[in-house]
Amino acid sequence: MYEIKFITINHILVAIIIILSITILIGHSIGYKWAGGSGILEKQIVTDMQTGDVLNRGEIMEATDQYKYFTIEKTKIFLSKNTQVKLVNLHDGQIDLQLIQGRMVANGKVNISVRDIDVIIPVNSKASIVHYSWLDELEIAPMTSNLIIEYENQTLELESAIKIHTLQPYEYSNIEFNKTQSSEADFYLWVETQ
């Protein structure tokens, strides 16, 4: 005899929940976000301003023999030569980058990490960050307003430039920052013209 199986409403609901869950997980993994109540997914755009290329989460933004800059929503990221930055997170207005090596200027709301140190740049702020990966050192200079530095269970409000060791015990010292007298003065001048 033939056996007849009925699909119940419970089966249908379980299938819908599974499909929605998978859709959300896949969307988040490739950098999509829900667009304010419209029920569709909207891609957050990261654009290489020289080439017009759109970059996705997990990609490396790199400048080798020339300066480059990128936009992420309203935040501008400027890279000096021989600099690498990884896009870590682009969800819900939260921009997280990892500075692998080199010199960058960030203009706008962004969190930048180097190992276990997080540099939090608020809206309408600008900062210069240099990672000397071979020395395990990081130079952080607020250019327009205060920044927040977090490491281990410490939080430091930064009003002036510092140099900090990127490994424990995270010792830091104040340094002078003058972009016009820097060895990278040409880079800072270029940033101002973009």
N, C-alpha and C. Protein backbone atom coordinates (compact mmCIF):
# COMPACT_ATOMS: atom_id res chain seq x y z
N MET A 1 0.82 -1.18 0.00
CA MET A 1 0.00 0.00 0.00
C MET A 1 0.88 1.26 0.00
N TYR A 2 0.29 2.26 -0.51
CA TYR A 2 0.97 3.55 -0.53
C TYR A 2 0.75 4.26 0.79
N GLU A 3 1.85 4.88 1.24
CA GLU A 3 1.74 5.63 2.49
C GLU A 3 1.64 7.12 2.14
N ILE A 4 0.68 7.79 2.66
CA ILE A 4 0.48 9.21 2.38
C ILE A 4 1.02 10.01 3.55
N LYS A 5 1.90 10.97 3.22
CA LYS A 5 2.46 11.85 4.26
C LYS A 5 1.92 13.25 4.02
N PHE A 6 1.54 13.86 5.09
CA PHE A 6 1.00 15.21 5.01
C PHE A 6 2.05 16.21 5.50
N ILE A 7 2.12 17.30 4.80
CA ILE A 7 2.98 18.39 5.24
C ILE A 7 2.13 19.28 6.14
N THR A 8 2.59 19.41 7.36
CA THR A 8 1.83 20.21 8.31
C THR A 8 2.36 21.64 8.33
N ILE A 9 1.62 22.50 8.95
CA ILE A 9 2.03 23.90 9.08
C ILE A 9 3.33 24.01 9.86
N ASN A 10 3.54 23.09 10.81
CA ASN A 10 4.79 23.10 11.57
C ASN A 10 5.99 22.84 10.66
N HIS A 11 5.85 21.91 9.71
CA HIS A 11 6.92 21.64 8.76
C HIS A 11 7.24 22.87 7.93
N ILE A 12 6.21 23.55 7.49
CA ILE A 12 6.38 24.74 6.67
C ILE A 12 7.08 25.84 7.46
N LEU A 13 6.66 26.06 8.71
CA LEU A 13 7.28 27.09 9.55
C LEU A 13 8.75 26.79 9.82
N VAL A 14 9.06 25.54 10.10
CA VAL A 14 10.46 25.15 10.33
C VAL A 14 11.29 25.42 9.08
N ALA A 15 10.77 25.08 7.92
CA ALA A 15 11.49 25.31 6.67
C ALA A 15 11.73 26.81 6.44
N ILE A 16 10.74 27.63 6.71
CA ILE A 16 10.88 29.09 6.54
C ILE A 16 11.94 29.63 7.48
N ILE A 17 11.93 29.20 8.73
CA ILE A 17 12.92 29.67 9.71
C ILE A 17 14.32 29.27 9.28
N ILE A 18 14.48 28.05 8.80
CA ILE A 18 15.80 27.59 8.35
C ILE A 18 16.28 28.41 7.16
N ILE A 19 15.40 28.66 6.20
CA ILE A 19 15.77 29.44 5.02
C ILE A 19 16.15 30.87 5.40
N LEU A 20 15.37 31.50 6.27
CA LEU A 20 15.69 32.86 6.71
C LEU A 20 17.01 32.91 7.46
N SER A 21 17.24 31.95 8.33
CA SER A 21 18.49 31.90 9.10
C SER A 21 19.69 31.78 8.18
N ILE A 22 19.60 30.90 7.21
CA ILE A 22 20.71 30.71 6.27
C ILE A 22 20.93 31.97 5.45
N THR A 23 19.86 32.61 5.01
CA THR A 23 19.98 33.85 4.24
C THR A 23 20.68 34.94 5.04
N ILE A 24 20.29 35.11 6.30
CA ILE A 24 20.92 36.13 7.15
C ILE A 24 22.39 35.81 7.38
N LEU A 25 22.71 34.57 7.68
CA LEU A 25 24.11 34.18 7.91
C LEU A 25 24.97 34.41 6.68
N ILE A 26 24.47 34.03 5.52
CA ILE A 26 25.23 34.25 4.29
C ILE A 26 25.38 35.74 4.01
N GLY A 27 24.31 36.50 4.21
CA GLY A 27 24.37 37.95 4.00
C GLY A 27 25.40 38.61 4.89
N HIS A 28 25.43 38.27 6.17
CA HIS A 28 26.40 38.85 7.09
C HIS A 28 27.82 38.44 6.74
N SER A 29 28.01 37.23 6.27
CA SER A 29 29.36 36.76 5.97
C SER A 29 29.96 37.46 4.76
N ILE A 30 29.13 38.02 3.88
CA ILE A 30 29.67 38.71 2.71
C ILE A 30 29.48 40.22 2.78
N GLY A 31 29.15 40.74 3.96
CA GLY A 31 29.13 42.18 4.15
C GLY A 31 27.84 42.88 3.83
N TYR A 32 26.71 42.20 3.89
CA TYR A 32 25.42 42.83 3.65
C TYR A 32 24.75 43.15 4.98
N LYS A 33 23.86 44.11 4.94
CA LYS A 33 23.10 44.46 6.14
C LYS A 33 21.65 44.65 5.73
N TRP A 34 20.75 44.51 6.71
CA TRP A 34 19.34 44.78 6.44
C TRP A 34 19.17 46.27 6.26
N ALA A 35 18.46 46.70 5.23
CA ALA A 35 18.25 48.12 4.96
C ALA A 35 16.97 48.55 5.65
N GLY A 36 17.13 49.36 6.68
CA GLY A 36 16.11 49.88 7.55
C GLY A 36 14.67 49.52 7.29
N GLY A 37 14.25 48.34 7.57
CA GLY A 37 12.85 47.97 7.53
C GLY A 37 12.29 47.70 6.16
N SER A 38 13.08 47.90 5.11
CA SER A 38 12.54 47.66 3.78
C SER A 38 12.50 46.18 3.45
N GLY A 39 13.16 45.36 4.28
CA GLY A 39 13.12 43.93 4.07
C GLY A 39 14.06 43.43 3.00
N ILE A 40 14.98 44.28 2.50
CA ILE A 40 15.95 43.82 1.52
C ILE A 40 17.34 43.99 2.08
N LEU A 41 18.28 43.30 1.50
CA LEU A 41 19.68 43.43 1.91
C LEU A 41 20.35 44.51 1.08
N GLU A 42 21.14 45.35 1.76
CA GLU A 42 21.83 46.44 1.07
C GLU A 42 23.32 46.30 1.33
N LYS A 43 24.13 46.32 0.28
CA LYS A 43 25.57 46.14 0.44
C LYS A 43 26.22 47.44 0.88
N GLN A 44 27.09 47.33 1.89
CA GLN A 44 27.88 48.48 2.29
C GLN A 44 29.06 48.58 1.32
N ILE A 45 29.33 49.76 0.82
CA ILE A 45 30.29 49.93 -0.25
C ILE A 45 31.63 50.44 0.29
N VAL A 46 32.69 49.75 -0.13
CA VAL A 46 34.06 50.19 0.12
C VAL A 46 34.67 50.39 -1.25
N THR A 47 35.10 51.59 -1.53
CA THR A 47 35.56 51.89 -2.88
C THR A 47 37.01 52.37 -2.88
N ASP A 48 37.82 51.78 -3.77
CA ASP A 48 39.16 52.26 -4.05
C ASP A 48 38.98 53.48 -4.96
N MET A 49 39.33 54.65 -4.47
CA MET A 49 39.02 55.87 -5.20
C MET A 49 39.86 56.05 -6.46
N GLN A 50 41.02 55.40 -6.56
CA GLN A 50 41.82 55.51 -7.78
C GLN A 50 41.28 54.60 -8.89
N THR A 51 40.86 53.40 -8.54
CA THR A 51 40.44 52.43 -9.56
C THR A 51 38.93 52.30 -9.67
N GLY A 52 38.20 52.72 -8.64
CA GLY A 52 36.75 52.56 -8.62
C GLY A 52 36.32 51.16 -8.22
N ASP A 53 37.30 50.29 -7.88
CA ASP A 53 36.97 48.92 -7.47
C ASP A 53 36.22 48.91 -6.15
N VAL A 54 35.25 48.01 -6.04
CA VAL A 54 34.52 47.81 -4.80
C VAL A 54 35.16 46.64 -4.07
N LEU A 55 35.45 46.84 -2.79
CA LEU A 55 36.12 45.82 -1.99
C LEU A 55 35.16 45.25 -0.96
N ASN A 56 35.40 44.03 -0.54
CA ASN A 56 34.53 43.34 0.42
C ASN A 56 35.27 43.02 1.71
N ARG A 57 34.49 42.66 2.72
CA ARG A 57 35.04 42.28 4.01
C ARG A 57 36.06 41.16 3.83
N GLY A 58 37.19 41.28 4.55
CA GLY A 58 38.23 40.28 4.47
C GLY A 58 39.33 40.61 3.47
N GLU A 59 39.06 41.57 2.58
CA GLU A 59 40.07 41.93 1.59
C GLU A 59 41.13 42.86 2.19
N ILE A 60 42.30 42.84 1.56
CA ILE A 60 43.41 43.68 1.98
C ILE A 60 43.45 44.91 1.08
N MET A 61 43.44 46.09 1.71
CA MET A 61 43.66 47.34 0.98
C MET A 61 45.16 47.60 1.07
N GLU A 62 45.78 47.84 -0.07
CA GLU A 62 47.24 47.92 -0.08
C GLU A 62 47.72 49.06 -0.97
N ALA A 63 48.74 49.76 -0.48
CA ALA A 63 49.44 50.76 -1.28
C ALA A 63 50.90 50.33 -1.33
N THR A 64 51.45 50.18 -2.52
CA THR A 64 52.84 49.75 -2.61
C THR A 64 53.75 50.92 -2.95
N ASP A 65 53.72 51.39 -4.20
CA ASP A 65 54.64 52.45 -4.60
C ASP A 65 53.99 53.81 -4.80
N GLN A 66 52.71 53.92 -4.43
CA GLN A 66 52.03 55.22 -4.49
C GLN A 66 50.98 55.29 -3.39
N TYR A 67 50.57 56.51 -3.06
CA TYR A 67 49.53 56.70 -2.05
C TYR A 67 48.18 56.26 -2.61
N LYS A 68 47.30 55.79 -1.73
CA LYS A 68 45.95 55.40 -2.15
C LYS A 68 44.96 55.83 -1.08
N TYR A 69 43.71 55.99 -1.51
CA TYR A 69 42.68 56.18 -0.50
C TYR A 69 41.39 55.47 -0.88
N PHE A 70 40.62 55.16 0.17
CA PHE A 70 39.40 54.40 0.05
C PHE A 70 38.31 55.11 0.82
N THR A 71 37.07 54.88 0.43
CA THR A 71 35.95 55.37 1.23
C THR A 71 35.14 54.18 1.71
N ILE A 72 34.72 54.26 2.96
CA ILE A 72 33.83 53.28 3.55
C ILE A 72 32.69 54.08 4.15
N GLU A 73 31.54 54.05 3.47
CA GLU A 73 30.43 54.92 3.82
C GLU A 73 30.95 56.35 3.84
N LYS A 74 30.98 57.04 4.99
CA LYS A 74 31.44 58.44 5.02
C LYS A 74 32.87 58.56 5.54
N THR A 75 33.54 57.46 5.78
CA THR A 75 34.90 57.47 6.32
C THR A 75 35.91 57.33 5.19
N LYS A 76 36.97 58.14 5.25
CA LYS A 76 38.04 58.06 4.27
C LYS A 76 39.27 57.44 4.93
N ILE A 77 39.89 56.51 4.22
CA ILE A 77 41.09 55.84 4.69
C ILE A 77 42.21 56.14 3.69
N PHE A 78 43.28 56.78 4.15
CA PHE A 78 44.41 57.14 3.31
C PHE A 78 45.60 56.26 3.68
N LEU A 79 46.24 55.67 2.67
CA LEU A 79 47.37 54.79 2.90
C LEU A 79 48.63 55.37 2.28
N SER A 80 49.70 55.40 3.07
CA SER A 80 51.00 55.78 2.54
C SER A 80 51.59 54.58 1.81
N LYS A 81 52.72 54.77 1.19
CA LYS A 81 53.38 53.69 0.46
C LYS A 81 53.73 52.55 1.42
N ASN A 82 53.75 51.33 0.89
CA ASN A 82 54.10 50.12 1.66
C ASN A 82 53.21 49.93 2.88
N THR A 83 51.91 50.12 2.69
CA THR A 83 50.95 49.99 3.79
C THR A 83 49.90 48.95 3.41
N GLN A 84 49.50 48.15 4.40
CA GLN A 84 48.45 47.15 4.20
C GLN A 84 47.44 47.25 5.33
N VAL A 85 46.15 47.27 4.95
CA VAL A 85 45.05 47.33 5.90
C VAL A 85 44.02 46.29 5.48
N LYS A 86 43.51 45.54 6.45
CA LYS A 86 42.51 44.51 6.17
C LYS A 86 41.14 44.99 6.62
N LEU A 87 40.11 44.78 5.77
CA LEU A 87 38.73 45.07 6.14
C LEU A 87 38.22 43.93 7.01
N VAL A 88 37.94 44.21 8.27
CA VAL A 88 37.55 43.15 9.20
C VAL A 88 36.03 43.07 9.35
N ASN A 89 35.36 44.21 9.52
CA ASN A 89 33.93 44.20 9.80
C ASN A 89 33.29 45.44 9.19
N LEU A 90 32.12 45.25 8.59
CA LEU A 90 31.37 46.37 8.00
C LEU A 90 29.88 46.21 8.29
N HIS A 91 29.51 45.96 9.53
CA HIS A 91 28.12 45.72 9.87
C HIS A 91 27.53 46.84 10.72
N ASP A 92 26.30 47.20 10.40
CA ASP A 92 25.50 48.13 11.22
C ASP A 92 26.24 49.42 11.54
N GLY A 93 26.90 50.01 10.55
CA GLY A 93 27.60 51.27 10.76
C GLY A 93 28.90 51.13 11.51
N GLN A 94 29.31 49.92 11.82
CA GLN A 94 30.55 49.65 12.53
C GLN A 94 31.62 49.29 11.51
N ILE A 95 32.70 50.06 11.47
CA ILE A 95 33.80 49.79 10.55
C ILE A 95 35.01 49.40 11.38
N ASP A 96 35.50 48.18 11.17
CA ASP A 96 36.69 47.69 11.86
C ASP A 96 37.74 47.34 10.83
N LEU A 97 38.93 47.90 11.00
CA LEU A 97 40.06 47.64 10.12
C LEU A 97 41.23 47.12 10.95
N GLN A 98 42.08 46.34 10.32
CA GLN A 98 43.31 45.89 10.96
C GLN A 98 44.47 46.46 10.17
N LEU A 99 45.31 47.26 10.85
CA LEU A 99 46.50 47.82 10.20
C LEU A 99 47.61 46.78 10.30
N ILE A 100 47.93 46.17 9.18
CA ILE A 100 48.94 45.12 9.16
C ILE A 100 50.33 45.72 9.24
N GLN A 101 50.57 46.74 8.42
CA GLN A 101 51.86 47.44 8.46
C GLN A 101 51.71 48.77 7.74
N GLY A 102 52.58 49.72 8.09
CA GLY A 102 52.63 50.97 7.36
C GLY A 102 51.97 52.14 8.06
N ARG A 103 51.70 53.18 7.25
CA ARG A 103 51.19 54.47 7.76
C ARG A 103 49.85 54.76 7.11
N MET A 104 48.90 55.19 7.94
CA MET A 104 47.58 55.54 7.42
C MET A 104 47.03 56.75 8.14
N VAL A 105 46.09 57.41 7.48
CA VAL A 105 45.29 58.45 8.12
C VAL A 105 43.84 58.03 7.93
N ALA A 106 43.09 58.06 9.03
CA ALA A 106 41.66 57.74 8.98
C ALA A 106 40.89 59.01 9.29
N ASN A 107 39.90 59.32 8.46
CA ASN A 107 39.09 60.51 8.64
C ASN A 107 37.63 60.08 8.72
N GLY A 108 37.12 59.97 9.94
CA GLY A 108 35.75 59.53 10.16
C GLY A 108 35.69 58.40 11.17
N LYS A 109 34.48 57.96 11.46
CA LYS A 109 34.26 56.94 12.49
C LYS A 109 34.78 55.58 12.04
N VAL A 110 35.76 55.04 12.78
CA VAL A 110 36.35 53.75 12.44
C VAL A 110 37.11 53.22 13.67
N ASN A 111 37.17 51.90 13.79
CA ASN A 111 38.01 51.25 14.79
C ASN A 111 39.16 50.57 14.05
N ILE A 112 40.37 50.80 14.52
CA ILE A 112 41.54 50.22 13.87
C ILE A 112 42.29 49.39 14.90
N SER A 113 42.56 48.14 14.54
CA SER A 113 43.26 47.27 15.48
C SER A 113 44.64 46.92 14.95
N VAL A 114 45.55 46.77 15.90
CA VAL A 114 46.88 46.24 15.66
C VAL A 114 47.13 45.27 16.79
N ARG A 115 47.18 43.99 16.46
CA ARG A 115 47.26 42.92 17.46
C ARG A 115 46.11 43.11 18.44
N ASP A 116 46.40 43.27 19.75
CA ASP A 116 45.33 43.40 20.74
C ASP A 116 45.06 44.85 21.14
N ILE A 117 45.55 45.80 20.36
CA ILE A 117 45.31 47.22 20.64
C ILE A 117 44.25 47.72 19.67
N ASP A 118 43.24 48.41 20.20
CA ASP A 118 42.19 49.01 19.38
C ASP A 118 42.27 50.52 19.48
N VAL A 119 42.27 51.18 18.32
CA VAL A 119 42.23 52.64 18.25
C VAL A 119 40.83 53.00 17.76
N ILE A 120 40.09 53.73 18.59
CA ILE A 120 38.71 54.09 18.27
C ILE A 120 38.67 55.56 17.88
N ILE A 121 38.34 55.79 16.62
CA ILE A 121 38.29 57.15 16.08
C ILE A 121 36.81 57.53 15.95
N PRO A 122 36.39 58.56 16.69
CA PRO A 122 34.96 58.94 16.64
C PRO A 122 34.59 59.69 15.36
N VAL A 123 33.29 59.90 15.20
CA VAL A 123 32.76 60.65 14.06
C VAL A 123 33.44 62.02 14.00
N ASN A 124 33.68 62.50 12.79
CA ASN A 124 34.27 63.82 12.55
C ASN A 124 35.65 63.98 13.16
N SER A 125 36.39 62.89 13.29
CA SER A 125 37.75 62.95 13.81
C SER A 125 38.71 62.41 12.77
N LYS A 126 39.97 62.79 12.94
CA LYS A 126 41.02 62.35 12.02
C LYS A 126 42.23 61.96 12.85
N ALA A 127 42.91 60.87 12.43
CA ALA A 127 44.09 60.41 13.16
C ALA A 127 45.10 59.81 12.21
N SER A 128 46.37 59.92 12.60
CA SER A 128 47.46 59.26 11.90
C SER A 128 47.89 58.06 12.74
N ILE A 129 48.04 56.92 12.08
CA ILE A 129 48.46 55.70 12.77
C ILE A 129 49.57 55.06 11.95
N VAL A 130 50.66 54.73 12.62
CA VAL A 130 51.80 54.10 11.95
C VAL A 130 52.13 52.81 12.70
N HIS A 131 52.18 51.70 11.96
CA HIS A 131 52.55 50.42 12.55
C HIS A 131 53.91 49.99 12.02
N TYR A 132 54.91 50.03 12.92
CA TYR A 132 56.23 49.52 12.60
C TYR A 132 56.23 48.05 13.01
N SER A 133 55.77 47.19 12.10
CA SER A 133 55.56 45.78 12.45
C SER A 133 56.86 45.08 12.86
N TRP A 134 57.97 45.46 12.27
CA TRP A 134 59.24 44.82 12.59
C TRP A 134 59.78 45.27 13.95
N LEU A 135 59.27 46.38 14.50
CA LEU A 135 59.68 46.87 15.81
C LEU A 135 58.63 46.60 16.89
N ASP A 136 57.46 46.07 16.47
CA ASP A 136 56.34 45.87 17.39
C ASP A 136 55.94 47.19 18.05
N GLU A 137 55.92 48.27 17.25
CA GLU A 137 55.55 49.59 17.77
C GLU A 137 54.45 50.21 16.92
N LEU A 138 53.69 51.04 17.59
CA LEU A 138 52.58 51.74 16.97
C LEU A 138 52.64 53.20 17.39
N GLU A 139 52.57 54.10 16.41
CA GLU A 139 52.48 55.53 16.70
C GLU A 139 51.07 55.99 16.36
N ILE A 140 50.44 56.66 17.32
CA ILE A 140 49.06 57.11 17.15
C ILE A 140 49.02 58.61 17.43
N ALA A 141 48.49 59.38 16.48
CA ALA A 141 48.43 60.83 16.65
C ALA A 141 47.05 61.35 16.30
N PRO A 142 46.31 61.88 17.30
CA PRO A 142 45.05 62.54 16.99
C PRO A 142 45.35 63.80 16.17
N MET A 143 44.57 64.03 15.11
CA MET A 143 44.80 65.20 14.27
C MET A 143 43.73 66.26 14.45
N THR A 144 42.54 65.88 14.93
CA THR A 144 41.48 66.88 15.11
C THR A 144 40.82 66.81 16.49
N SER A 145 40.73 65.64 17.08
CA SER A 145 40.10 65.52 18.40
C SER A 145 40.61 64.27 19.10
N ASN A 146 40.18 64.08 20.33
CA ASN A 146 40.67 62.96 21.13
C ASN A 146 40.25 61.61 20.55
N LEU A 147 41.06 60.61 20.85
CA LEU A 147 40.81 59.24 20.44
C LEU A 147 40.74 58.36 21.68
N ILE A 148 40.27 57.14 21.52
CA ILE A 148 40.26 56.17 22.61
C ILE A 148 41.15 55.00 22.19
N ILE A 149 42.02 54.58 23.10
CA ILE A 149 42.86 53.41 22.89
C ILE A 149 42.44 52.36 23.91
N GLU A 150 42.23 51.13 23.45
CA GLU A 150 41.87 50.03 24.35
C GLU A 150 42.83 48.87 24.14
N TYR A 151 43.31 48.32 25.26
CA TYR A 151 44.17 47.15 25.23
C TYR A 151 44.06 46.46 26.58
N GLU A 152 44.10 45.11 26.55
CA GLU A 152 43.83 44.32 27.75
C GLU A 152 42.57 44.87 28.39
N ASN A 153 42.60 45.24 29.65
CA ASN A 153 41.43 45.83 30.30
C ASN A 153 41.62 47.32 30.53
N GLN A 154 42.46 47.94 29.72
CA GLN A 154 42.79 49.35 29.87
C GLN A 154 42.08 50.19 28.81
N THR A 155 41.68 51.39 29.19
CA THR A 155 41.14 52.37 28.25
C THR A 155 41.89 53.67 28.47
N LEU A 156 42.39 54.24 27.39
CA LEU A 156 43.18 55.46 27.46
C LEU A 156 42.59 56.48 26.51
N GLU A 157 42.23 57.66 27.04
CA GLU A 157 41.78 58.74 26.17
C GLU A 157 43.02 59.49 25.71
N LEU A 158 43.17 59.58 24.41
CA LEU A 158 44.39 60.11 23.83
C LEU A 158 44.17 61.53 23.32
N GLU A 159 44.89 62.48 23.90
CA GLU A 159 44.81 63.88 23.49
C GLU A 159 45.98 64.29 22.61
N SER A 160 47.11 63.59 22.77
CA SER A 160 48.30 63.91 21.98
C SER A 160 48.95 62.60 21.52
N ALA A 161 49.95 62.73 20.67
CA ALA A 161 50.56 61.56 20.04
C ALA A 161 51.33 60.70 21.04
N ILE A 162 51.26 59.38 20.82
CA ILE A 162 52.01 58.43 21.63
C ILE A 162 52.66 57.37 20.74
N LYS A 163 53.66 56.72 21.32
CA LYS A 163 54.23 55.50 20.74
C LYS A 163 53.95 54.41 21.76
N ILE A 164 53.38 53.27 21.29
CA ILE A 164 53.03 52.19 22.20
C ILE A 164 53.57 50.87 21.65
N HIS A 165 54.07 50.04 22.54
CA HIS A 165 54.56 48.72 22.17
C HIS A 165 53.33 47.83 21.94
N THR A 166 53.32 47.05 20.84
CA THR A 166 52.13 46.28 20.48
C THR A 166 52.06 44.91 21.16
N LEU A 167 53.03 44.61 21.99
CA LEU A 167 53.03 43.37 22.77
C LEU A 167 53.08 43.72 24.25
N GLN A 168 52.66 42.80 25.10
CA GLN A 168 52.72 43.06 26.53
C GLN A 168 54.13 43.42 26.93
N PRO A 169 54.32 44.39 27.82
CA PRO A 169 53.34 45.01 28.71
C PRO A 169 52.72 46.30 28.17
N TYR A 170 52.71 46.52 26.86
CA TYR A 170 52.07 47.67 26.22
C TYR A 170 52.56 49.00 26.78
N GLU A 171 53.85 49.13 26.96
CA GLU A 171 54.40 50.39 27.46
C GLU A 171 54.26 51.47 26.40
N TYR A 172 53.96 52.69 26.84
CA TYR A 172 53.82 53.79 25.88
C TYR A 172 54.49 55.04 26.41
N SER A 173 54.79 55.94 25.46
CA SER A 173 55.40 57.22 25.82
C SER A 173 54.85 58.28 24.88
N ASN A 174 54.82 59.52 25.36
CA ASN A 174 54.38 60.65 24.53
C ASN A 174 55.45 60.96 23.50
N ILE A 175 55.01 61.34 22.31
CA ILE A 175 55.93 61.75 21.25
C ILE A 175 55.41 63.03 20.61
N GLU A 176 56.27 63.69 19.88
CA GLU A 176 55.86 64.88 19.13
C GLU A 176 55.34 64.44 17.77
N PHE A 177 54.27 65.07 17.32
CA PHE A 177 53.75 64.82 15.98
C PHE A 177 53.56 66.15 15.29
N ASN A 178 54.32 66.36 14.21
CA ASN A 178 54.20 67.55 13.39
C ASN A 178 54.20 67.08 11.94
N LYS A 179 53.03 67.07 11.32
CA LYS A 179 52.91 66.49 9.98
C LYS A 179 53.74 67.22 8.94
N THR A 180 54.01 68.51 9.13
CA THR A 180 54.79 69.25 8.13
C THR A 180 56.29 68.99 8.27
N GLN A 181 56.72 68.51 9.44
CA GLN A 181 58.15 68.22 9.63
C GLN A 181 58.42 66.72 9.68
N SER A 182 57.42 65.93 9.41
CA SER A 182 57.55 64.48 9.39
C SER A 182 58.37 64.03 8.19
N SER A 183 59.00 62.87 8.30
CA SER A 183 59.68 62.29 7.14
C SER A 183 58.68 61.93 6.06
N GLU A 184 57.38 61.86 6.41
CA GLU A 184 56.31 61.58 5.47
C GLU A 184 55.43 62.82 5.23
N ALA A 185 56.05 64.01 5.28
CA ALA A 185 55.30 65.26 5.09
C ALA A 185 54.56 65.28 3.76
N ASP A 186 55.15 64.69 2.70
CA ASP A 186 54.49 64.66 1.39
C ASP A 186 53.18 63.87 1.45
N PHE A 187 53.17 62.78 2.22
CA PHE A 187 51.96 61.99 2.37
C PHE A 187 50.86 62.81 3.06
N TYR A 188 51.20 63.49 4.15
CA TYR A 188 50.20 64.28 4.87
C TYR A 188 49.69 65.44 4.03
N LEU A 189 50.56 66.03 3.20
CA LEU A 189 50.13 67.09 2.29
C LEU A 189 49.16 66.51 1.25
N TRP A 190 49.46 65.32 0.73
CA TRP A 190 48.59 64.66 -0.22
C TRP A 190 47.22 64.38 0.38
N VAL A 191 47.19 63.94 1.64
CA VAL A 191 45.93 63.66 2.34
C VAL A 191 45.07 64.92 2.36
N GLU A 192 45.67 66.06 2.64
CA GLU A 192 44.92 67.32 2.73
C GLU A 192 44.34 67.74 1.39
N THR A 193 44.89 67.28 0.29
CA THR A 193 44.42 67.69 -1.03
C THR A 193 43.32 66.78 -1.59
N GLN A 194 43.02 65.69 -0.93
CA GLN A 194 42.04 64.73 -1.45
C GLN A 194 40.64 65.10 -0.98
